[in-house]
Protein backbone atom coordinates (compact mmCIF):
# COMPACT_ATOMS: atom_id res chain seq x y z
CA MET A 1 106.94 81.97 102.34
CA LEU A 2 103.99 83.20 100.26
CA VAL A 3 104.38 80.24 97.92
CA GLY A 4 104.21 77.97 100.97
CA VAL A 5 101.05 79.69 102.22
CA PHE A 6 99.44 79.33 98.81
CA ALA A 7 100.50 75.67 98.61
CA LEU A 8 98.87 75.07 101.98
CA LEU A 9 95.63 76.75 100.88
CA SER A 10 95.55 74.96 97.54
CA GLY A 11 96.32 71.63 99.25
CA GLY A 12 93.35 72.10 101.57
CA ALA A 13 91.17 73.01 98.60
CA PHE A 14 92.32 69.86 96.77
CA VAL A 15 91.40 67.62 99.71
CA ALA A 16 87.98 69.27 99.98
CA SER A 17 87.36 68.94 96.23
CA LEU A 18 88.53 65.32 96.27
CA ASN A 19 86.18 64.41 99.12
CA ALA A 20 83.27 66.07 97.30
CA PHE A 21 84.20 64.21 94.11
CA LEU A 22 84.28 60.85 95.89
CA ASP A 23 80.84 61.49 97.36
CA GLN A 24 79.35 62.52 94.00
CA SER A 25 80.97 59.68 92.06
CA SER A 26 79.81 57.05 94.57
CA GLN A 27 76.25 58.36 94.27
CA ALA A 28 76.42 58.40 90.47
CA LEU A 29 77.64 54.78 90.37
CA SER A 30 75.19 53.46 92.96
CA ILE A 31 71.89 54.79 91.61
CA PRO A 32 70.66 53.21 88.36
CA PRO A 33 70.87 54.15 85.63
CA LEU A 34 74.59 54.64 86.11
CA GLN A 35 75.79 58.19 85.38
CA PRO A 36 79.17 58.87 83.71
CA VAL A 37 81.81 60.35 86.03
CA ASN A 38 83.68 63.29 84.50
CA LEU A 39 86.89 63.89 86.44
CA ASN A 40 87.40 67.37 85.03
CA GLN A 41 83.91 68.66 85.74
CA LEU A 42 83.45 67.07 89.15
CA LEU A 43 86.94 67.48 90.61
CA ILE A 44 89.40 69.60 88.60
CA ARG A 45 87.00 72.43 87.71
CA PRO A 46 85.83 73.07 91.31
CA TYR A 47 89.43 72.78 92.48
CA LEU A 48 90.68 75.37 90.00
CA MET A 49 87.91 77.75 91.09
CA GLN A 50 89.10 77.46 94.68
CA VAL A 51 92.72 77.91 93.58
CA GLY A 52 91.67 81.18 91.94
CA LEU A 53 90.10 82.38 95.19
CA ALA A 54 93.22 81.40 97.14
CA ALA A 55 95.38 83.35 94.69
CA LEU A 56 93.24 86.46 95.15
CA LEU A 57 93.86 86.32 98.90
CA VAL A 58 97.63 85.74 98.66
CA LEU A 59 98.61 88.05 95.78
CA PRO A 60 98.05 91.33 97.71
CA LEU A 61 100.86 90.29 100.07
CA LEU A 62 103.10 89.92 97.05
CA THR A 63 102.28 93.22 95.34
CA ALA A 64 101.97 95.49 98.40
CA ARG A 65 105.61 96.68 98.45
CA ALA A 66 106.22 96.59 94.71
CA HIS A 67 106.41 100.36 94.16
CA THR A 68 106.54 101.91 97.61
CA GLN A 69 110.32 102.21 97.84
CA PRO A 70 111.95 105.51 96.77
CA LEU A 71 113.62 105.45 93.38
CA ASP A 72 117.12 106.74 92.76
CA THR A 73 116.79 109.24 89.91
CA ASP A 74 120.00 111.23 90.32
CA ALA A 75 121.45 109.60 87.22
CA LEU A 76 118.49 110.54 85.04
CA GLU A 77 119.23 113.65 83.00
CA SER A 78 116.18 113.97 80.72
CA PRO A 79 112.41 113.28 80.75
CA SER A 80 112.86 110.61 78.07
CA SER A 81 115.39 108.70 80.17
CA SER A 82 113.08 109.04 83.18
CA ALA A 83 110.13 107.63 81.22
CA SER A 84 112.25 104.80 79.87
CA ALA A 85 113.60 103.93 83.32
CA SER A 86 110.17 103.97 84.94
CA GLY A 87 108.73 101.85 82.13
CA SER A 88 111.54 99.32 82.46
CA ARG A 89 111.09 99.17 86.22
CA VAL A 90 107.34 98.58 85.89
CA LEU A 91 107.85 95.77 83.38
CA ALA A 92 110.59 94.19 85.48
CA THR A 93 108.44 94.32 88.61
CA PHE A 94 105.44 92.88 86.77
CA ALA A 95 107.57 90.07 85.31
CA GLY A 96 108.98 89.27 88.75
CA VAL A 97 105.56 89.05 90.39
CA ILE A 98 104.23 86.97 87.49
CA ALA A 99 107.16 84.56 87.91
CA VAL A 100 106.26 84.02 91.58
CA TYR A 101 102.59 83.62 90.65
CA LYS A 102 103.51 80.95 88.09
CA LEU A 103 105.44 79.13 90.81
CA MET A 104 102.35 79.30 93.01
CA LEU A 105 100.21 77.80 90.25
CA LEU A 106 102.83 75.12 89.69
CA THR A 107 102.43 73.91 93.27
CA SER A 108 98.73 73.37 92.63
CA ALA A 109 99.44 71.77 89.24
CA VAL A 110 101.53 69.09 90.98
CA LEU A 111 98.40 67.86 92.75
CA VAL A 112 96.44 67.87 89.49
CA GLY A 113 99.32 65.99 87.85
CA LEU A 114 98.78 63.14 90.30
CA LEU A 115 95.33 62.65 88.82
CA PHE A 116 96.92 61.92 85.44
CA LEU A 117 98.87 59.08 87.04
CA TYR A 118 95.78 57.37 88.44
CA GLY A 119 93.04 58.58 86.10
CA ALA A 120 92.34 60.06 82.69
CA PRO A 121 91.56 63.78 82.97
CA GLU A 122 91.19 65.87 79.81
CA PHE A 123 94.54 67.55 79.23
CA TRP A 124 93.22 70.41 77.07
CA THR A 125 90.45 71.26 79.52
CA THR A 126 92.92 71.28 82.41
CA LEU A 127 95.37 73.43 80.44
CA CYS A 128 92.61 75.93 79.61
CA GLY A 129 91.72 76.15 83.28
CA TYR A 130 95.26 77.13 84.19
CA LEU A 131 95.37 79.59 81.30
CA GLY A 132 92.31 81.28 82.77
CA LEU A 133 93.98 81.43 86.19
CA LEU A 134 97.14 82.92 84.68
CA LEU A 135 95.25 85.61 82.74
CA THR A 136 93.06 86.52 85.71
CA GLY A 137 96.03 86.67 88.07
CA ALA A 138 98.07 88.77 85.64
CA ALA A 139 95.22 91.27 85.29
CA PHE A 140 94.87 91.50 89.08
CA ILE A 141 98.63 91.95 89.49
CA ALA A 142 98.68 94.81 86.95
CA VAL A 143 95.90 96.63 88.82
CA ALA A 144 97.50 95.87 92.20
CA LEU A 145 100.80 97.36 91.03
CA LEU A 146 98.95 100.53 90.05
CA VAL A 147 97.35 100.71 93.49
CA SER A 148 100.73 100.08 95.12
CA SER A 149 102.39 102.82 93.06
CA LEU A 150 99.79 105.32 94.32
CA ALA A 151 100.04 104.25 97.96
CA THR A 152 102.18 106.15 100.46
CA SER A 153 103.29 103.04 102.36
CA ALA A 154 103.43 99.28 102.11
CA LEU A 155 100.68 99.02 104.74
CA ALA A 156 98.36 101.29 102.78
CA ALA A 157 99.07 99.35 99.58
CA GLY A 158 98.44 96.05 101.33
CA ILE A 159 95.13 97.21 102.80
CA ALA A 160 93.91 98.64 99.49
CA THR A 161 94.87 95.62 97.39
CA PHE A 162 93.52 93.17 99.97
CA ALA A 163 90.21 95.05 100.05
CA MET A 164 90.10 94.81 96.25
CA SER A 165 90.90 91.09 96.26
CA PHE A 166 88.40 90.43 99.06
CA ALA A 167 85.67 92.19 97.08
CA LEU A 168 86.51 90.14 93.97
CA ALA A 169 86.63 86.88 95.96
CA THR A 170 83.36 87.62 97.75
CA THR A 171 81.60 88.59 94.52
CA THR A 172 82.89 85.46 92.81
CA TRP A 173 81.88 83.21 95.70
CA LEU A 174 78.36 84.67 95.84
CA SER A 175 78.00 84.38 92.05
CA TRP A 176 78.71 80.64 92.37
CA TRP A 177 77.01 79.62 95.61
CA GLY A 178 74.68 82.47 96.54
CA ALA A 179 70.91 82.55 96.21
CA PRO A 180 69.56 82.42 92.63
CA GLY A 181 68.71 86.12 92.65
CA VAL A 182 72.15 87.04 93.96
CA ARG A 183 73.88 84.84 91.36
CA ARG A 184 71.90 86.48 88.58
CA VAL A 185 72.96 89.97 89.69
CA LEU A 186 76.62 89.26 90.45
CA SER A 187 77.53 86.85 87.65
CA PRO A 188 78.10 89.59 85.04
CA VAL A 189 80.53 91.49 87.30
CA SER A 190 82.48 88.57 88.81
CA VAL A 191 85.57 86.83 87.47
CA GLY A 192 83.95 83.48 88.19
CA GLY A 193 82.14 83.25 84.88
CA GLY A 194 85.30 83.60 82.83
CA LEU A 195 87.26 81.19 85.03
CA ASN A 196 84.43 78.68 84.88
CA ASP A 197 84.40 78.77 81.08
CA PHE A 198 88.16 78.20 80.92
CA ALA A 199 87.90 75.36 83.44
CA LYS A 200 85.36 73.74 81.12
CA GLY A 201 87.83 73.94 78.24
CA VAL A 202 86.15 76.94 76.58
CA VAL A 203 88.53 79.76 75.64
CA ASP A 204 86.46 82.94 75.86
CA SER A 205 88.08 85.42 73.49
CA GLY A 206 86.21 88.30 75.09
CA TYR A 207 87.61 87.41 78.50
CA VAL A 208 91.11 87.11 77.04
CA VAL A 209 90.86 90.55 75.42
CA SER A 210 89.50 92.06 78.64
CA CYS A 211 92.38 90.65 80.71
CA LEU A 212 95.02 91.79 78.22
CA THR A 213 93.45 95.26 78.09
CA ILE A 214 93.46 95.52 81.89
CA ILE A 215 97.10 94.40 81.98
CA ALA A 216 98.21 96.94 79.37
CA LEU A 217 96.21 99.79 80.92
CA GLY A 218 97.34 98.94 84.45
CA LEU A 219 101.02 98.89 83.51
CA PHE A 220 100.71 102.11 81.50
CA LEU A 221 99.00 103.96 84.35
CA THR A 222 101.55 102.59 86.82
CA ARG A 223 104.36 104.03 84.72
CA CYS A 224 102.53 107.36 84.52
CA ALA A 225 102.06 107.35 88.30
CA LEU A 226 105.78 106.90 88.88
CA GLU A 227 106.95 109.64 86.49
CA PRO A 228 105.71 112.66 88.51
CA ALA A 229 107.56 111.34 91.56
CA ARG A 230 110.69 111.11 89.45
CA SER A 231 110.34 114.58 87.98
CA GLU A 232 109.94 116.16 91.43
CA ARG A 233 113.19 114.70 92.74
C-alpha cells in the first residue's frame, strides 16, 4: 500500500515536472538566440528533488512499527547472545525497510526510463541522482529506526518520525524556493544541497561520508536502545 501511495505521489510530481519542462523548453526554442535544452537539468533533476520530498513523507509510515513490538528473549542465556540477537534484528529490520524503499524508488525510475525511450538523458547524471536519494533515504531510515526503538507505541513513533521528516522536507523546500535570505540560512542545514549535487551528476564525497556515518551511528544506537529492554525481561 505504501509503495502505491509513493507511486501516486511520484507520478503527480512527474506530471508537474514534465509540464514545467515543456513550458521552459518551448520558451528556450522560441526566443532567439536558441538556448540548448538539457533534459536532465530541466526535467529529471527537479523531478528527483520532488521524489526525495515524497519519500520523506512516506517513510515514517514504514518505520513507525519497526521496533515497537515486544521481543521474545526467553531463549537468550547470556549478555553476548542478547547483544548478538539485537544486532541481527536491527540489521534485518534495516535491510527490510531499505528493500521496500528501493522498490519505491524503482516505481519512480520507471517513469524516468520512459524518457530514455523518447529522448537522450545523461545516464550517469540520472544514476547519481538516484544514488543520492538512496543514501539520503537510508540515513533517514537509520535515524527513524532509532526513534521507533525509543518510542512506547507505534503511534508515538509515527508522530515523532513524521515530525522529523516534515521538518526536513520543509527546510529543504524553503532552501530551494524560499526568499534569498531564507535560502542562504537554511541551505547549509538542509538535505537539498546534497541531493541537488547528486542530481547534477556530482558525487559529493563529504555527503556520502555524512550519510554513511549517520547510518552506522543510528543502527548502533538502535541496538543499544534495545539491549536494556532485553536485559530487564
